[in-house]
Structures are given as C-alpha cells and as structure tokens.
Amino acid sequence: MRALVQRVSQASVTVEGEVTGQIEQGLLVLLGVGQDDSAKEVAWMSEKLAGLRIFDDADGKMNLSLEDVGGGMLVVSQFTLFGDCKKGRRPSFINAAPPELAVELYEQFVAAVRQRGINVGTGRFRQHMDVALVNDGPVTLWVESP
C-alpha cells in the first residue's frame, strides 16, 4: 500500500461537478493499493497516517498528529501510485491491485480511519476526480507499507 500524504489547510474532491468530499485542516491522502496488499497493510497504514506527527506544536516543531489537532482526512483512490515508468514512455500498472481488491481495501482503510474518530472525506472509486488543495508548509510525504 502506498500513500502520498499532503498536510493541507483545506482540500476537496469533485466528481462531475459534485463535491464528494472536503476537509479543512488535515491530510490529503492519495492512496494506492498493490496487488499483494491485504487487511494487514490497511491496519498498518491507517494507524501510521492517523498518528503521523507532522503538525506544528506551540514551538513550531512537527510534533503533533492528525488525532492531536482534530484534523480531517480526505482519501482519494490513486492506482497510478503503482505506475512503473522504468521502461519505455508509457507507465505499467501491473503492480496495482485489480479493481475488486482495490475498492475493498480502500473502503477498509476509510472505515479504519473513521473508527479512530477522524472525519474522513472521500472521492469516488474509479471515477474521474478533480482534487483541489492548499498544501500547508508545503509538507508532502511518501508512505509505503512494509
């Protein structure tokens, strides 16, 4: 499982002119599911991102988590995170999970984060989405499950 995580002051996702998810302060998570991923990776990633200390404390140090600041999470499915561009000019997506597995694990991830009491907004799986954000910092991290 791979996630591109951006600390944001606001973010939203729109599908066919309809806002399907939006947050104020929090994390925009572009989430990719690999073909070998399982519930184990879902549990690891949801815990890692909810507890990731990338928000400033009173001294301006990245010392607080999403849970600490009461922020939201906007989760957008992003199979292209598994795009392999090593050969040729067209990415290969052979390592991305098939849609049936990907949607199941994506939904499990969203549910796991919500169970932690975090407000979660989402896009729509397998839809063209317009994602808007204001990156706070900027802070952008790549997180990959073991």
Protein backbone atom coordinates (compact mmCIF):
# COMPACT_ATOMS: atom_id res chain seq x y z
CA MET A 1 0.00 0.00 0.00
CA ARG A 2 1.32 3.42 -0.93
CA ALA A 3 0.19 6.86 0.12
CA LEU A 4 1.18 10.32 -0.99
CA VAL A 5 0.31 12.43 2.04
CA GLN A 6 -0.03 16.20 1.98
CA ARG A 7 -0.63 18.37 5.03
CA VAL A 8 -3.35 20.78 3.97
CA SER A 9 -5.24 23.78 5.29
CA GLN A 10 -8.12 22.72 3.02
CA ALA A 11 -8.82 20.16 0.31
CA SER A 12 -11.76 18.92 -1.73
CA VAL A 13 -12.60 16.42 -4.43
CA THR A 14 -15.25 16.94 -7.09
CA VAL A 15 -16.84 14.36 -9.40
CA GLU A 16 -18.99 15.55 -12.31
CA GLY A 17 -19.48 18.95 -10.67
CA GLU A 18 -20.45 17.49 -7.26
CA VAL A 19 -18.19 17.92 -4.23
CA THR A 20 -17.94 14.38 -2.83
CA GLY A 21 -15.52 15.14 -0.01
CA GLN A 22 -13.86 18.11 1.62
CA ILE A 23 -11.86 18.94 4.73
CA GLU A 24 -10.28 21.93 6.38
CA GLN A 25 -7.02 21.36 8.30
CA GLY A 26 -5.78 17.84 7.91
CA LEU A 27 -4.31 15.37 5.45
CA LEU A 28 -4.99 14.76 1.80
CA VAL A 29 -4.13 11.10 1.20
CA LEU A 30 -3.74 9.77 -2.32
CA LEU A 31 -3.96 6.02 -1.64
CA GLY A 32 -2.69 3.27 -3.91
CA VAL A 33 -3.41 -0.40 -3.32
CA GLY A 34 -0.96 -3.02 -4.59
CA GLN A 35 -1.78 -6.49 -5.83
CA ASP A 36 -0.20 -8.12 -2.75
CA ASP A 37 -1.90 -5.87 -0.18
CA SER A 38 -4.28 -7.19 2.47
CA ALA A 39 -6.06 -6.15 5.66
CA LYS A 40 -2.64 -6.19 7.35
CA GLU A 41 -1.46 -3.26 5.22
CA VAL A 42 -4.76 -1.44 5.80
CA ALA A 43 -4.30 -1.65 9.57
CA TRP A 44 -0.67 -0.54 9.39
CA MET A 45 -1.36 2.40 7.04
CA SER A 46 -4.42 3.69 8.91
CA GLU A 47 -2.54 3.66 12.21
CA LYS A 48 0.58 5.21 10.66
CA LEU A 49 -1.24 8.11 8.99
CA ALA A 50 -3.55 8.91 11.91
CA GLY A 51 -0.55 9.07 14.25
CA LEU A 52 1.98 10.68 11.90
CA ARG A 53 3.42 13.68 13.75
CA ILE A 54 3.59 16.33 11.03
CA PHE A 55 1.58 19.19 12.54
CA ASP A 56 3.28 22.02 14.39
CA ASP A 57 3.21 22.26 18.16
CA ALA A 58 3.34 25.57 20.09
CA ASP A 59 7.09 25.80 19.38
CA GLY A 60 6.63 25.35 15.63
CA LYS A 61 8.07 21.80 15.64
CA MET A 62 6.38 18.96 13.77
CA ASN A 63 5.29 17.15 16.89
CA LEU A 64 1.51 16.69 16.65
CA SER A 65 -0.57 14.09 14.82
CA LEU A 66 -3.84 14.39 12.95
CA GLU A 67 -5.55 12.96 16.01
CA ASP A 68 -3.85 15.56 18.24
CA VAL A 69 -5.03 18.53 16.16
CA GLY A 70 -8.52 17.16 15.44
CA GLY A 71 -7.98 17.42 11.70
CA GLY A 72 -9.76 15.63 8.88
CA MET A 73 -8.55 13.27 6.19
CA LEU A 74 -9.52 13.37 2.54
CA VAL A 75 -8.81 9.98 0.96
CA VAL A 76 -8.62 9.65 -2.82
CA SER A 77 -8.03 6.34 -4.58
CA GLN A 78 -4.91 6.60 -6.76
CA PHE A 79 -3.91 3.40 -8.59
CA THR A 80 -1.36 5.40 -10.59
CA LEU A 81 0.90 5.41 -7.50
CA PHE A 82 1.81 1.92 -8.65
CA GLY A 83 2.76 3.10 -12.13
CA ASP A 84 6.18 1.81 -13.19
CA CYS A 85 7.97 4.18 -15.57
CA LYS A 86 11.32 2.37 -15.79
CA LYS A 87 10.80 1.04 -19.30
CA GLY A 88 9.52 2.97 -22.27
CA ARG A 89 7.34 6.03 -22.05
CA ARG A 90 4.04 4.53 -21.03
CA PRO A 91 3.64 3.53 -17.37
CA SER A 92 2.90 -0.07 -16.50
CA PHE A 93 0.30 -0.65 -13.79
CA ILE A 94 0.90 -4.38 -13.41
CA ASN A 95 1.67 -3.99 -9.67
CA ALA A 96 -1.59 -2.19 -8.89
CA ALA A 97 -4.34 -4.28 -7.32
CA PRO A 98 -7.23 -5.36 -9.52
CA PRO A 99 -10.28 -3.09 -9.02
CA GLU A 100 -12.23 -5.62 -6.94
CA LEU A 101 -9.44 -5.93 -4.35
CA ALA A 102 -8.52 -2.25 -4.51
CA VAL A 103 -12.02 -0.98 -3.74
CA GLU A 104 -12.40 -3.46 -0.86
CA LEU A 105 -9.11 -2.39 0.78
CA TYR A 106 -9.74 1.30 0.05
CA GLU A 107 -13.09 1.08 1.84
CA GLN A 108 -11.50 -0.84 4.72
CA PHE A 109 -8.89 1.93 5.05
CA VAL A 110 -11.57 4.65 5.15
CA ALA A 111 -13.54 2.69 7.77
CA ALA A 112 -10.42 2.11 9.90
CA VAL A 113 -9.62 5.84 9.94
CA ARG A 114 -13.22 6.72 10.78
CA GLN A 115 -13.14 4.23 13.68
CA ARG A 116 -10.36 6.37 15.15
CA GLY A 117 -12.82 9.28 15.35
CA ILE A 118 -11.35 11.17 12.40
CA ASN A 119 -13.65 13.00 9.97
CA VAL A 120 -13.00 11.42 6.56
CA GLY A 121 -14.00 12.73 3.16
CA THR A 122 -13.61 10.64 0.02
CA GLY A 123 -13.64 10.73 -3.71
CA ARG A 124 -15.41 8.11 -5.83
CA PHE A 125 -13.60 4.94 -6.74
CA ARG A 126 -12.85 4.51 -10.49
CA GLN A 127 -14.21 7.96 -11.36
CA HIS A 128 -12.52 10.98 -12.89
CA MET A 129 -11.94 13.34 -9.97
CA ASP A 130 -10.83 16.94 -9.66
CA VAL A 131 -8.78 17.37 -6.49
CA ALA A 132 -8.13 20.84 -5.09
CA LEU A 133 -5.89 21.56 -2.14
CA VAL A 134 -3.90 24.17 -0.28
CA ASN A 135 -0.71 22.42 0.82
CA ASP A 136 0.26 23.70 4.27
CA GLY A 137 4.03 24.13 4.54
CA PRO A 138 4.36 22.66 1.98
CA VAL A 139 4.56 19.26 3.64
CA THR A 140 4.35 16.21 1.37
CA LEU A 141 5.41 12.68 2.32
CA TRP A 142 5.58 9.31 0.62
CA VAL A 143 4.48 6.47 2.92
CA GLU A 144 4.75 2.82 1.91
CA SER A 145 3.68 -0.17 3.98
CA PRO A 146 6.38 -2.67 4.90
